[in-house]
PDB file of N, CA and C in Angstrom:
ATOM      1  N   UNK A   1       9.348   6.881  26.295  1.00  0.00           N
ATOM      2  CA  UNK A   1       8.773   7.027  24.587  1.00  0.00           C
ATOM      3  C   UNK A   1       9.121   6.401  23.615  1.00  0.00           C
ATOM      4  N   UNK A   2       9.991   5.335  24.110  1.00  0.00           N
ATOM      5  CA  UNK A   2      10.411   4.207  23.157  1.00  0.00           C
ATOM      6  C   UNK A   2       9.303   3.639  22.242  1.00  0.00           C
ATOM      7  N   UNK A   3       7.986   3.617  22.875  1.00  0.00           N
ATOM      8  CA  UNK A   3       6.813   2.837  22.484  1.00  0.00           C
ATOM      9  C   UNK A   3       5.988   4.117  21.358  1.00  0.00           C
ATOM     10  N   UNK A   4       6.312   5.289  21.514  1.00  0.00           N
ATOM     11  CA  UNK A   4       5.755   6.195  21.009  1.00  0.00           C
ATOM     12  C   UNK A   4       5.080   5.901  19.113  1.00  0.00           C
ATOM     13  N   UNK A   5       4.026   5.921  18.772  1.00  0.00           N
ATOM     14  CA  UNK A   5       3.874   5.609  17.657  1.00  0.00           C
ATOM     15  C   UNK A   5       3.960   6.736  16.825  1.00  0.00           C
ATOM     16  N   UNK A   6       4.674   6.579  15.849  1.00  0.00           N
ATOM     17  CA  UNK A   6       5.532   7.554  14.985  1.00  0.00           C
ATOM     18  C   UNK A   6       4.728   7.608  13.612  1.00  0.00           C
ATOM     19  N   UNK A   7       3.441   6.950  13.345  1.00  0.00           N
ATOM     20  CA  UNK A   7       2.997   7.167  12.274  1.00  0.00           C
ATOM     21  C   UNK A   7       2.460   8.659  12.188  1.00  0.00           C
ATOM     22  N   UNK A   8       2.031   9.026  10.616  1.00  0.00           N
ATOM     23  CA  UNK A   8       1.931  10.386  10.551  1.00  0.00           C
ATOM     24  C   UNK A   8       0.383  10.269  10.251  1.00  0.00           C
ATOM     25  N   UNK A   9      -0.361   9.361   9.962  1.00  0.00           N
ATOM     26  CA  UNK A   9      -1.998   9.098   9.359  1.00  0.00           C
ATOM     27  C   UNK A   9      -2.534   8.017   9.917  1.00  0.00           C
ATOM     28  N   UNK A  10      -3.995   8.138  10.150  1.00  0.00           N
ATOM     29  CA  UNK A  10      -4.384   6.538  10.391  1.00  0.00           C
ATOM     30  C   UNK A  10      -4.381   5.349   9.535  1.00  0.00           C
ATOM     31  N   UNK A  11      -3.778   4.509   9.807  1.00  0.00           N
ATOM     32  CA  UNK A  11      -4.125   3.233   8.817  1.00  0.00           C
ATOM     33  C   UNK A  11      -4.959   2.122   8.696  1.00  0.00           C
ATOM     34  N   UNK A  12      -5.632   1.896   7.673  1.00  0.00           N
ATOM     35  CA  UNK A  12      -7.054   0.916   7.326  1.00  0.00           C
ATOM     36  C   UNK A  12      -6.368  -0.059   7.215  1.00  0.00           C
ATOM     37  N   UNK A  13      -6.830  -1.221   7.618  1.00  0.00           N
ATOM     38  CA  UNK A  13      -6.693  -2.615   7.345  1.00  0.00           C
ATOM     39  C   UNK A  13      -7.398  -3.251   6.372  1.00  0.00           C
ATOM     40  N   UNK A  14      -7.111  -3.972   5.070  1.00  0.00           N
ATOM     41  CA  UNK A  14      -8.174  -4.537   4.099  1.00  0.00           C
ATOM     42  C   UNK A  14      -8.726  -5.429   4.398  1.00  0.00           C
ATOM     43  N   UNK A  15     -10.373  -5.517   4.397  1.00  0.00           N
ATOM     44  CA  UNK A  15     -10.806  -6.910   4.676  1.00  0.00           C
ATOM     45  C   UNK A  15     -11.454  -7.556   3.564  1.00  0.00           C
ATOM     46  N   UNK A  16     -11.612  -7.101   2.311  1.00  0.00           N
ATOM     47  CA  UNK A  16     -11.509  -7.410   0.879  1.00  0.00           C
ATOM     48  C   UNK A  16     -10.682  -7.607   0.127  1.00  0.00           C
ATOM     49  N   UNK A  17     -10.416  -9.751  -0.155  1.00  0.00           N
ATOM     50  CA  UNK A  17      -9.590 -10.029  -0.673  1.00  0.00           C
ATOM     51  C   UNK A  17      -9.280  -9.190  -1.896  1.00  0.00           C
ATOM     52  N   UNK A  18      -9.804  -8.995  -3.230  1.00  0.00           N
ATOM     53  CA  UNK A  18      -9.563  -8.233  -4.217  1.00  0.00           C
ATOM     54  C   UNK A  18      -9.064  -6.827  -3.954  1.00  0.00           C
ATOM     55  N   UNK A  19      -9.060  -6.016  -2.518  1.00  0.00           N
ATOM     56  CA  UNK A  19      -8.797  -5.093  -2.134  1.00  0.00           C
ATOM     57  C   UNK A  19      -7.246  -5.010  -1.868  1.00  0.00           C
ATOM     58  N   UNK A  20      -6.312  -6.125  -1.656  1.00  0.00           N
ATOM     59  CA  UNK A  20      -5.212  -6.204  -1.407  1.00  0.00           C
ATOM     60  C   UNK A  20      -4.083  -6.464  -1.725  1.00  0.00           C
ATOM     61  N   UNK A  21      -4.486  -6.980  -3.288  1.00  0.00           N
ATOM     62  CA  UNK A  21      -3.448  -7.617  -4.564  1.00  0.00           C
ATOM     63  C   UNK A  21      -2.764  -5.844  -4.972  1.00  0.00           C
ATOM     64  N   UNK A  22      -1.429  -5.721  -4.599  1.00  0.00           N
ATOM     65  CA  UNK A  22      -0.653  -5.054  -5.181  1.00  0.00           C
ATOM     66  C   UNK A  22       0.401  -5.340  -6.295  1.00  0.00           C
ATOM     67  N   UNK A  23       0.538  -4.934  -7.332  1.00  0.00           N
ATOM     68  CA  UNK A  23       1.597  -4.951  -8.407  1.00  0.00           C
ATOM     69  C   UNK A  23       2.587  -3.970  -8.184  1.00  0.00           C
ATOM     70  N   UNK A  24       4.007  -4.256  -7.845  1.00  0.00           N
ATOM     71  CA  UNK A  24       4.733  -3.153  -7.727  1.00  0.00           C
ATOM     72  C   UNK A  24       5.513  -3.651  -8.814  1.00  0.00           C
ATOM     73  N   UNK A  25       5.719  -2.070  -9.425  1.00  0.00           N
ATOM     74  CA  UNK A  25       6.435  -2.034 -11.345  1.00  0.00           C
ATOM     75  C   UNK A  25       7.523  -1.037 -10.498  1.00  0.00           C
ATOM     76  N   UNK A  26       8.769  -1.624 -11.572  1.00  0.00           N
ATOM     77  CA  UNK A  26       9.801  -1.188 -10.879  1.00  0.00           C
ATOM     78  C   UNK A  26      10.656  -0.987 -12.356  1.00  0.00           C
ATOM     79  N   UNK A  27      12.094   0.031 -12.213  1.00  0.00           N
ATOM     80  CA  UNK A  27      12.470   0.192 -13.505  1.00  0.00           C
ATOM     81  C   UNK A  27      12.888  -0.848 -14.622  1.00  0.00           C
ATOM     82  N   UNK A  28      12.429  -0.855 -16.000  1.00  0.00           N
ATOM     83  CA  UNK A  28      13.157  -2.039 -16.822  1.00  0.00           C
ATOM     84  C   UNK A  28      12.011  -3.291 -16.863  1.00  0.00           C
ATOM     85  N   UNK A  29      10.989  -3.104 -16.390  1.00  0.00           N
ATOM     86  CA  UNK A  29       9.703  -3.690 -16.260  1.00  0.00           C
ATOM     87  C   UNK A  29       9.212  -4.696 -15.190  1.00  0.00           C
ATOM     88  N   UNK A  30      10.313  -4.665 -14.511  1.00  0.00           N
ATOM     89  CA  UNK A  30      10.163  -6.089 -13.510  1.00  0.00           C
ATOM     90  C   UNK A  30       8.893  -5.574 -12.657  1.00  0.00           C
ATOM     91  N   UNK A  31       8.238  -6.433 -12.081  1.00  0.00           N
ATOM     92  CA  UNK A  31       7.191  -6.706 -11.230  1.00  0.00           C
ATOM     93  C   UNK A  31       7.432  -7.527  -9.974  1.00  0.00           C
ATOM     94  N   UNK A  32       6.717  -7.468  -9.372  1.00  0.00           N
ATOM     95  CA  UNK A  32       6.664  -7.984  -7.823  1.00  0.00           C
ATOM     96  C   UNK A  32       5.216  -7.943  -7.232  1.00  0.00           C
ATOM     97  N   UNK A  33       4.859  -9.112  -6.986  1.00  0.00           N
ATOM     98  CA  UNK A  33       3.082  -8.942  -6.607  1.00  0.00           C
ATOM     99  C   UNK A  33       3.711  -8.842  -4.691  1.00  0.00           C
ATOM    100  N   UNK A  34       2.886  -7.943  -4.423  1.00  0.00           N
ATOM    101  CA  UNK A  34       2.045  -8.364  -2.490  1.00  0.00           C
ATOM    102  C   UNK A  34       0.868  -8.230  -2.325  1.00  0.00           C
ATOM    103  N   UNK A  35       0.756  -8.326  -1.204  1.00  0.00           N
ATOM    104  CA  UNK A  35      -0.581  -8.421  -0.455  1.00  0.00           C
ATOM    105  C   UNK A  35      -0.362  -7.115   0.753  1.00  0.00           C
ATOM    106  N   UNK A  36      -1.480  -5.810   0.358  1.00  0.00           N
ATOM    107  CA  UNK A  36      -1.312  -4.898   1.316  1.00  0.00           C
ATOM    108  C   UNK A  36      -1.909  -5.449   2.744  1.00  0.00           C
ATOM    109  N   UNK A  37      -1.175  -4.970   3.483  1.00  0.00           N
ATOM    110  CA  UNK A  37      -1.526  -4.933   4.995  1.00  0.00           C
ATOM    111  C   UNK A  37      -2.064  -3.925   5.443  1.00  0.00           C
ATOM    112  N   UNK A  38      -1.759  -2.630   5.053  1.00  0.00           N
ATOM    113  CA  UNK A  38      -2.573  -1.509   5.669  1.00  0.00           C
ATOM    114  C   UNK A  38      -2.127  -0.336   4.785  1.00  0.00           C
ATOM    115  N   UNK A  39      -3.064   0.498   4.658  1.00  0.00           N
ATOM    116  CA  UNK A  39      -3.128   1.988   3.924  1.00  0.00           C
ATOM    117  C   UNK A  39      -3.712   2.916   4.847  1.00  0.00           C
ATOM    118  N   UNK A  40      -2.738   4.389   3.999  1.00  0.00           N
ATOM    119  CA  UNK A  40      -3.092   5.485   4.600  1.00  0.00           C
ATOM    120  C   UNK A  40      -2.996   6.264   3.511  1.00  0.00           C
ATOM    121  N   UNK A  41      -3.401   7.503   3.850  1.00  0.00           N
ATOM    122  CA  UNK A  41      -3.304   8.564   2.716  1.00  0.00           C
ATOM    123  C   UNK A  41      -1.855   9.011   2.349  1.00  0.00           C
ATOM    124  N   UNK A  42      -1.214   8.675   2.889  1.00  0.00           N
ATOM    125  CA  UNK A  42       0.637   9.000   3.128  1.00  0.00           C
ATOM    126  C   UNK A  42       1.266   8.026   2.537  1.00  0.00           C
ATOM    127  N   UNK A  43       0.773   6.359   2.560  1.00  0.00           N
ATOM    128  CA  UNK A  43       1.675   4.919   2.196  1.00  0.00           C
ATOM    129  C   UNK A  43       0.762   3.969   2.705  1.00  0.00           C
ATOM    130  N   UNK A  44       1.840   2.878   2.278  1.00  0.00           N
ATOM    131  CA  UNK A  44       1.202   1.428   2.463  1.00  0.00           C
ATOM    132  C   UNK A  44       2.052   0.375   2.829  1.00  0.00           C
ATOM    133  N   UNK A  45       1.930  -0.603   3.747  1.00  0.00           N
ATOM    134  CA  UNK A  45       2.844  -1.553   4.039  1.00  0.00           C
ATOM    135  C   UNK A  45       2.288  -2.877   3.424  1.00  0.00           C
ATOM    136  N   UNK A  46       3.220  -3.406   2.858  1.00  0.00           N
ATOM    137  CA  UNK A  46       3.050  -4.453   1.541  1.00  0.00           C
ATOM    138  C   UNK A  46       3.860  -5.486   1.911  1.00  0.00           C
ATOM    139  N   UNK A  47       3.589  -7.005   2.076  1.00  0.00           N
ATOM    140  CA  UNK A  47       4.033  -8.289   2.332  1.00  0.00           C
ATOM    141  C   UNK A  47       4.021  -8.908   0.952  1.00  0.00           C
ATOM    142  N   UNK A  48       5.680  -8.805   0.844  1.00  0.00           N
ATOM    143  CA  UNK A  48       5.766  -9.326  -0.878  1.00  0.00           C
ATOM    144  C   UNK A  48       5.508 -10.548  -0.648  1.00  0.00           C
ATOM    145  N   UNK A  49       4.931 -11.220  -2.056  1.00  0.00           N
ATOM    146  CA  UNK A  49       4.728 -12.577  -1.968  1.00  0.00           C
ATOM    147  C   UNK A  49       6.264 -13.353  -2.256  1.00  0.00           C
ATOM    148  N   UNK A  50       7.217 -12.415  -2.729  1.00  0.00           N
ATOM    149  CA  UNK A  50       8.563 -12.938  -3.172  1.00  0.00           C
ATOM    150  C   UNK A  50       9.551 -13.059  -2.204  1.00  0.00           C
ATOM    151  N   UNK A  51      10.852 -13.028  -2.156  1.00  0.00           N
ATOM    152  CA  UNK A  51      11.774 -12.579  -0.941  1.00  0.00           C
ATOM    153  C   UNK A  51      11.746 -11.185  -0.962  1.00  0.00           C
ATOM    154  N   UNK A  52      12.117 -10.248  -0.255  1.00  0.00           N
ATOM    155  CA  UNK A  52      12.451  -8.897  -0.372  1.00  0.00           C
ATOM    156  C   UNK A  52      13.509  -8.424  -1.239  1.00  0.00           C
ATOM    157  N   UNK A  53      14.552  -9.685  -1.508  1.00  0.00           N
ATOM    158  CA  UNK A  53      15.595  -9.471  -2.134  1.00  0.00           C
ATOM    159  C   UNK A  53      15.222  -9.073  -3.771  1.00  0.00           C
ATOM    160  N   UNK A  54      13.912  -9.461  -4.126  1.00  0.00           N
ATOM    161  CA  UNK A  54      13.444  -8.792  -5.008  1.00  0.00           C
ATOM    162  C   UNK A  54      13.214  -7.596  -5.573  1.00  0.00           C
ATOM    163  N   UNK A  55      13.376  -6.832  -4.510  1.00  0.00           N
ATOM    164  CA  UNK A  55      13.476  -5.414  -4.945  1.00  0.00           C
ATOM    165  C   UNK A  55      14.697  -4.974  -4.401  1.00  0.00           C
ATOM    166  N   UNK A  56      15.333  -4.114  -5.412  1.00  0.00           N
ATOM    167  CA  UNK A  56      16.851  -3.540  -5.685  1.00  0.00           C
ATOM    168  C   UNK A  56      17.192  -2.930  -4.889  1.00  0.00           C
ATOM    169  N   UNK A  57      18.168  -2.603  -4.183  1.00  0.00           N
ATOM    170  CA  UNK A  57      18.481  -1.299  -3.674  1.00  0.00           C
ATOM    171  C   UNK A  57      18.042  -1.239  -1.826  1.00  0.00           C
ATOM    172  N   UNK A  58      18.062   0.170  -1.246  1.00  0.00           N
ATOM    173  CA  UNK A  58      17.499  -0.081  -0.125  1.00  0.00           C
ATOM    174  C   UNK A  58      16.631   1.211  -0.174  1.00  0.00           C
ATOM    175  N   UNK A  59      16.296   1.524   0.848  1.00  0.00           N
ATOM    176  CA  UNK A  59      15.357   2.533   0.959  1.00  0.00           C
ATOM    177  C   UNK A  59      15.614   3.710   0.042  1.00  0.00           C
ATOM    178  N   UNK A  60      14.490   4.152  -0.553  1.00  0.00           N
ATOM    179  CA  UNK A  60      14.447   5.680  -1.547  1.00  0.00           C
ATOM    180  C   UNK A  60      14.303   4.996  -2.969  1.00  0.00           C
ATOM    181  N   UNK A  61      14.382   4.100  -3.072  1.00  0.00           N
ATOM    182  CA  UNK A  61      13.794   3.123  -4.383  1.00  0.00           C
ATOM    183  C   UNK A  61      12.681   3.773  -4.850  1.00  0.00           C
ATOM    184  N   UNK A  62      12.147   4.237  -6.002  1.00  0.00           N
ATOM    185  CA  UNK A  62      11.293   4.536  -6.764  1.00  0.00           C
ATOM    186  C   UNK A  62      10.357   3.884  -7.690  1.00  0.00           C
ATOM    187  N   UNK A  63       9.116   3.598  -7.434  1.00  0.00           N
ATOM    188  CA  UNK A  63       8.521   2.448  -8.153  1.00  0.00           C
ATOM    189  C   UNK A  63       6.731   2.999  -8.363  1.00  0.00           C
ATOM    190  N   UNK A  64       6.043   2.406  -8.908  1.00  0.00           N
ATOM    191  CA  UNK A  64       4.731   2.415  -9.165  1.00  0.00           C
ATOM    192  C   UNK A  64       4.258   1.490  -8.679  1.00  0.00           C
ATOM    193  N   UNK A  65       3.031   1.636  -7.612  1.00  0.00           N
ATOM    194  CA  UNK A  65       2.167   0.893  -7.331  1.00  0.00           C
ATOM    195  C   UNK A  65       1.046   0.573  -8.035  1.00  0.00           C
ATOM    196  N   UNK A  66       0.408  -0.360  -8.456  1.00  0.00           N
ATOM    197  CA  UNK A  66      -0.749  -0.761  -9.215  1.00  0.00           C
ATOM    198  C   UNK A  66      -1.559  -1.469  -8.020  1.00  0.00           C
ATOM    199  N   UNK A  67      -2.855  -0.533  -7.934  1.00  0.00           N
ATOM    200  CA  UNK A  67      -3.776  -1.308  -6.924  1.00  0.00           C
ATOM    201  C   UNK A  67      -5.149  -1.446  -7.157  1.00  0.00           C
ATOM    202  N   UNK A  68      -6.285  -2.319  -6.904  1.00  0.00           N
ATOM    203  CA  UNK A  68      -7.383  -2.224  -7.583  1.00  0.00           C
ATOM    204  C   UNK A  68      -8.483  -1.491  -6.572  1.00  0.00           C
ATOM    205  N   UNK A  69      -9.624  -0.852  -7.021  1.00  0.00           N
ATOM    206  CA  UNK A  69     -10.630  -0.313  -6.719  1.00  0.00           C
ATOM    207  C   UNK A  69     -11.616  -0.241  -7.644  1.00  0.00           C
ATOM    208  N   UNK A  70     -12.500  -0.543  -6.732  1.00  0.00           N
ATOM    209  CA  UNK A  70     -13.610  -0.263  -7.651  1.00  0.00           C
ATOM    210  C   UNK A  70     -14.012  -0.882  -9.189  1.00  0.00           C
ATOM    211  N   UNK A  71     -13.579  -2.122  -9.433  1.00  0.00           N
ATOM    212  CA  UNK A  71     -13.233  -2.475 -10.799  1.00  0.00           C
ATOM    213  C   UNK A  71     -12.609  -1.959 -11.874  1.00  0.00           C
ATOM    214  N   UNK A  72     -11.493  -1.136 -11.470  1.00  0.00           N
ATOM    215  CA  UNK A  72     -10.461  -0.288 -11.907  1.00  0.00           C
ATOM    216  C   UNK A  72      -9.205  -0.352 -10.904  1.00  0.00           C
ATOM    217  N   UNK A  73      -7.999  -0.363 -12.000  1.00  0.00           N
ATOM    218  CA  UNK A  73      -6.637  -0.357 -11.565  1.00  0.00           C
ATOM    219  C   UNK A  73      -6.068   0.972 -11.622  1.00  0.00           C
ATOM    220  N   UNK A  74      -5.698   1.194 -10.887  1.00  0.00           N
ATOM    221  CA  UNK A  74      -4.714   2.564 -10.663  1.00  0.00           C
ATOM    222  C   UNK A  74      -3.362   2.601 -10.079  1.00  0.00           C
ATOM    223  N   UNK A  75      -2.703   3.529 -10.404  1.00  0.00           N
ATOM    224  CA  UNK A  75      -1.223   3.955 -10.318  1.00  0.00           C
ATOM    225  C   UNK A  75      -1.208   4.947  -9.270  1.00  0.00           C
ATOM    226  N   UNK A  76      -0.135   4.041  -8.377  1.00  0.00           N
ATOM    227  CA  UNK A  76       0.229   5.779  -7.487  1.00  0.00           C
ATOM    228  C   UNK A  76       1.805   5.250  -7.412  1.00  0.00           C
ATOM    229  N   UNK A  77       2.585   6.784  -7.842  1.00  0.00           N
ATOM    230  CA  UNK A  77       4.108   6.307  -7.692  1.00  0.00           C
ATOM    231  C   UNK A  77       4.411   6.441  -6.127  1.00  0.00           C
ATOM    232  N   UNK A  78       5.433   5.624  -5.653  1.00  0.00           N
ATOM    233  CA  UNK A  78       6.028   5.444  -4.564  1.00  0.00           C
ATOM    234  C   UNK A  78       7.349   5.749  -4.104  1.00  0.00           C
ATOM    235  N   UNK A  79       7.598   5.602  -2.981  1.00  0.00           N
ATOM    236  CA  UNK A  79       9.012   5.751  -2.704  1.00  0.00           C
ATOM    237  C   UNK A  79       9.259   4.226  -1.446  1.00  0.00           C
ATOM    238  N   UNK A  80      10.496   3.347  -1.565  1.00  0.00           N
ATOM    239  CA  UNK A  80      10.391   2.540  -0.427  1.00  0.00           C
ATOM    240  C   UNK A  80      10.874   3.125   0.861  1.00  0.00           C
ATOM    241  N   UNK A  81      10.614   3.063   1.931  1.00  0.00           N
ATOM    242  CA  UNK A  81      10.928   3.739   3.163  1.00  0.00           C
ATOM    243  C   UNK A  81      12.086   2.875   3.847  1.00  0.00           C
ATOM    244  N   UNK A  82      11.236   1.382   3.864  1.00  0.00           N
ATOM    245  CA  UNK A  82      11.891   0.346   4.752  1.00  0.00           C
ATOM    246  C   UNK A  82      11.877  -0.721   3.989  1.00  0.00           C
ATOM    247  N   UNK A  83      12.640  -1.949   4.728  1.00  0.00           N
ATOM    248  CA  UNK A  83      12.166  -3.510   4.110  1.00  0.00           C
ATOM    249  C   UNK A  83      12.823  -4.509   4.491  1.00  0.00           C
ATOM    250  N   UNK A  84      12.385  -5.151   5.553  1.00  0.00           N
ATOM    251  CA  UNK A  84      13.178  -6.583   6.121  1.00  0.00           C
ATOM    252  C   UNK A  84      12.738  -7.742   5.633  1.00  0.00           C
ATOM    253  N   UNK A  85      12.876  -8.685   5.783  1.00  0.00           N
ATOM    254  CA  UNK A  85      12.302 -10.477   5.377  1.00  0.00           C
ATOM    255  C   UNK A  85      11.268  -9.988   4.258  1.00  0.00           C
ATOM    256  N   UNK A  86       9.679  -9.747   4.185  1.00  0.00           N
ATOM    257  CA  UNK A  86       8.922  -9.835   3.257  1.00  0.00           C
ATOM    258  C   UNK A  86       8.021  -8.487   3.113  1.00  0.00           C
ATOM    259  N   UNK A  87       8.605  -7.944   4.451  1.00  0.00           N
ATOM    260  CA  UNK A  87       7.622  -6.653   4.546  1.00  0.00           C
ATOM    261  C   UNK A  87       8.692  -5.476   3.848  1.00  0.00           C
ATOM    262  N   UNK A  88       7.316  -4.637   3.552  1.00  0.00           N
ATOM    263  CA  UNK A  88       8.129  -3.385   2.543  1.00  0.00           C
ATOM    264  C   UNK A  88       6.771  -2.377   2.840  1.00  0.00           C
ATOM    265  N   UNK A  89       7.568  -0.931   3.213  1.00  0.00           N
ATOM    266  CA  UNK A  89       7.027   0.307   3.572  1.00  0.00           C
ATOM    267  C   UNK A  89       7.400   1.019   2.649  1.00  0.00           C
ATOM    268  N   UNK A  90       5.911   1.667   1.891  1.00  0.00           N
ATOM    269  CA  UNK A  90       6.084   2.658   1.183  1.00  0.00           C
ATOM    270  C   UNK A  90       5.622   3.931   1.298  1.00  0.00           C
ATOM    271  N   UNK A  91       5.880   4.602   1.244  1.00  0.00           N
ATOM    272  CA  UNK A  91       5.689   6.182   1.019  1.00  0.00           C
ATOM    273  C   UNK A  91       5.248   7.161  -0.540  1.00  0.00           C
ATOM    274  N   UNK A  92       3.830   7.404  -0.549  1.00  0.00           N
ATOM    275  CA  UNK A  92       3.302   7.735  -1.240  1.00  0.00           C
ATOM    276  C   UNK A  92       4.080   9.268  -2.135  1.00  0.00           C
ATOM    277  N   UNK A  93       4.280   9.448  -3.064  1.00  0.00           N
ATOM    278  CA  UNK A  93       4.838  10.539  -3.842  1.00  0.00           C
ATOM    279  C   UNK A  93       3.652  11.711  -4.141  1.00  0.00           C
ATOM    280  N   UNK A  94       4.173  12.701  -2.927  1.00  0.00           N
ATOM    281  CA  UNK A  94       3.428  13.748  -3.114  1.00  0.00           C
ATOM    282  C   UNK A  94       2.925  14.695  -4.951  1.00  0.00           C
ATOM    283  N   UNK A  95       2.091  14.882  -5.110  1.00  0.00           N
ATOM    284  CA  UNK A  95       1.614  15.383  -6.157  1.00  0.00           C
ATOM    285  C   UNK A  95       1.137  15.062  -7.253  1.00  0.00           C
ATOM    286  N   UNK A  96       0.536  13.658  -6.922  1.00  0.00           N
ATOM    287  CA  UNK A  96      -0.468  12.667  -7.683  1.00  0.00           C
ATOM    288  C   UNK A  96      -1.325  13.179  -7.324  1.00  0.00           C
ATOM    289  N   UNK A  97      -2.329  14.011  -7.922  1.00  0.00           N
ATOM    290  CA  UNK A  97      -3.789  14.278  -7.784  1.00  0.00           C
ATOM    291  C   UNK A  97      -4.354  12.926  -7.432  1.00  0.00           C
ATOM    292  N   UNK A  98      -4.424  12.727  -8.400  1.00  0.00           N
ATOM    293  CA  UNK A  98      -5.501  11.478  -8.966  1.00  0.00           C
ATOM    294  C   UNK A  98      -5.317  10.467  -8.124  1.00  0.00           C
ATOM    295  N   UNK A  99      -4.067   9.938  -8.373  1.00  0.00           N
ATOM    296  CA  UNK A  99      -3.589   8.996  -7.316  1.00  0.00           C
ATOM    297  C   UNK A  99      -4.275   9.041  -6.067  1.00  0.00           C
ATOM    298  N   UNK A 100      -4.243  10.162  -5.737  1.00  0.00           N
ATOM    299  CA  UNK A 100      -4.652  10.699  -4.324  1.00  0.00           C
ATOM    300  C   UNK A 100      -6.422  10.599  -3.615  1.00  0.00           C
ATOM    301  N   UNK A 101      -6.703  10.652  -4.992  1.00  0.00           N
ATOM    302  CA  UNK A 101      -8.102  10.596  -4.563  1.00  0.00           C
ATOM    303  C   UNK A 101      -8.871   9.129  -5.022  1.00  0.00           C
ATOM    304  N   UNK A 102      -7.806   8.163  -5.645  1.00  0.00           N
ATOM    305  CA  UNK A 102      -8.561   6.899  -6.118  1.00  0.00           C
ATOM    306  C   UNK A 102      -7.679   6.322  -4.073  1.00  0.00           C
ATOM    307  N   UNK A 103      -7.037   6.663  -3.810  1.00  0.00           N
ATOM    308  CA  UNK A 103      -6.701   6.382  -2.484  1.00  0.00           C
ATOM    309  C   UNK A 103      -7.762   6.470  -1.468  1.00  0.00           C
ATOM    310  N   UNK A 104      -7.775   8.061  -1.012  1.00  0.00           N
ATOM    311  CA  UNK A 104      -9.345   8.028  -0.286  1.00  0.00           C
ATOM    312  C   UNK A 104     -10.661   7.701  -0.603  1.00  0.00           C
ATOM    313  N   UNK A 105     -10.441   7.389  -1.996  1.00  0.00           N
ATOM    314  CA  UNK A 105     -11.587   6.498  -1.845  1.00  0.00           C
ATOM    315  C   UNK A 105     -11.968   4.986  -1.768  1.00  0.00           C
ATOM    316  N   UNK A 106     -10.629   4.469  -1.965  1.00  0.00           N
ATOM    317  CA  UNK A 106     -10.328   3.265  -1.630  1.00  0.00           C
ATOM    318  C   UNK A 106     -10.405   2.865   0.192  1.00  0.00           C
ATOM    319  N   UNK A 107      -9.669   3.954   0.701  1.00  0.00           N
ATOM    320  CA  UNK A 107      -9.304   4.335   1.963  1.00  0.00           C
ATOM    321  C   UNK A 107     -11.415   4.082   2.786  1.00  0.00           C
ATOM    322  N   UNK A 108     -11.889   4.846   2.133  1.00  0.00           N
ATOM    323  CA  UNK A 108     -13.808   5.008   2.478  1.00  0.00           C
ATOM    324  C   UNK A 108     -13.935   3.694   2.440  1.00  0.00           C
ATOM    325  N   UNK A 109     -14.008   2.841   1.345  1.00  0.00           N
ATOM    326  CA  UNK A 109     -14.624   2.025   1.273  1.00  0.00           C
ATOM    327  C   UNK A 109     -14.408   0.820   2.336  1.00  0.00           C
ATOM    328  N   UNK A 110     -12.833   0.752   2.530  1.00  0.00           N
ATOM    329  CA  UNK A 110     -12.385  -0.329   3.427  1.00  0.00           C
ATOM    330  C   UNK A 110     -12.802   0.210   4.565  1.00  0.00           C
ATOM    331  N   UNK A 111     -12.676   1.811   5.644  1.00  0.00           N
ATOM    332  CA  UNK A 111     -13.691   1.966   6.094  1.00  0.00           C
ATOM    333  C   UNK A 111     -14.903   1.181   6.473  1.00  0.00           C
ATOM    334  N   UNK A 112     -15.580   1.507   5.526  1.00  0.00           N
ATOM    335  CA  UNK A 112     -17.118   0.975   5.163  1.00  0.00           C
ATOM    336  C   UNK A 112     -17.401  -0.375   5.526  1.00  0.00           C
ATOM    337  N   UNK A 113     -16.633  -1.328   4.937  1.00  0.00           N
ATOM    338  CA  UNK A 113     -16.787  -2.569   5.073  1.00  0.00           C
ATOM    339  C   UNK A 113     -16.113  -3.151   6.303  1.00  0.00           C
ATOM    340  N   UNK A 114     -15.061  -2.432   7.222  1.00  0.00           N
ATOM    341  CA  UNK A 114     -14.797  -2.675   8.260  1.00  0.00           C
ATOM    342  C   UNK A 114     -16.298  -2.415   8.935  1.00  0.00           C
ATOM    343  N   UNK A 115     -17.034  -1.145   9.003  1.00  0.00           N
ATOM    344  CA  UNK A 115     -17.827  -1.117  10.386  1.00  0.00           C
ATOM    345  C   UNK A 115     -19.038  -2.127   9.905  1.00  0.00           C
ATOM    346  N   UNK A 116     -19.002  -2.149   8.656  1.00  0.00           N
ATOM    347  CA  UNK A 116     -20.002  -3.151   8.084  1.00  0.00           C
ATOM    348  C   UNK A 116     -19.928  -4.877   8.822  1.00  0.00           C
ATOM    349  N   UNK A 117     -18.555  -5.418   8.902  1.00  0.00           N
ATOM    350  CA  UNK A 117     -18.200  -6.382   9.365  1.00  0.00           C
ATOM    351  C   UNK A 117     -18.080  -6.210  10.832  1.00  0.00           C
ATOM    352  N   UNK A 118     -18.159  -5.379  11.452  1.00  0.00           N
ATOM    353  CA  UNK A 118     -17.773  -5.450  12.988  1.00  0.00           C
ATOM    354  C   UNK A 118     -19.116  -5.590  13.500  1.00  0.00           C
ATOM    355  N   UNK A 119     -20.499  -4.952  13.002  1.00  0.00           N
ATOM    356  CA  UNK A 119     -21.475  -5.136  13.188  1.00  0.00           C
ATOM    357  C   UNK A 119     -22.383  -6.291  13.247  1.00  0.00           C
ATOM    358  N   UNK A 120     -21.511  -7.223  12.332  1.00  0.00           N
ATOM    359  CA  UNK A 120     -21.967  -8.490  12.481  1.00  0.00           C
ATOM    360  C   UNK A 120     -21.836  -9.580  13.752  1.00  0.00           C
ATOM    361  N   UNK A 121     -20.258  -9.062  14.388  1.00  0.00           N
ATOM    362  CA  UNK A 121     -20.074  -9.500  15.712  1.00  0.00           C
ATOM    363  C   UNK A 121     -21.268  -9.724  16.657  1.00  0.00           C
TER     364      UNK A 121
END
C-alpha cells in the first residue's frame, strides 16, 4: 500500500511552452517565477526558477498563481501543500469560480494538445 497513488484528481502535463510559465505572487508584492510540471482541477506542481527558500514559510502559505491561457493571464488563489528543493505543490483555494473555469479550459486545451502530439508518433 505504500506505493498507492494519493492524488484526488487526474493530472495533465503541459506540452506547449507558453502554458508552462507561472508567476507566484506573495504578500508585500514579492514574485517568484516557476514552470508548471502538471495541473489538475485541484492543484499544480511547480518547479521554481529560484531556490525554494524564495517562498517563505512552510505548508499553508497563501499566494496567488498567475497563469497564461489563450492569450489571457488569469489568477488563482492557492496554498502551498509541500515544498522541497525546487518543487512546490499547490492546492487551489476552493470557491474561486472564475479561476476554476479558466483551469478547466486550460486542462481541456492541454489534453487536446497531448492527443494531437501523441498521434504524430
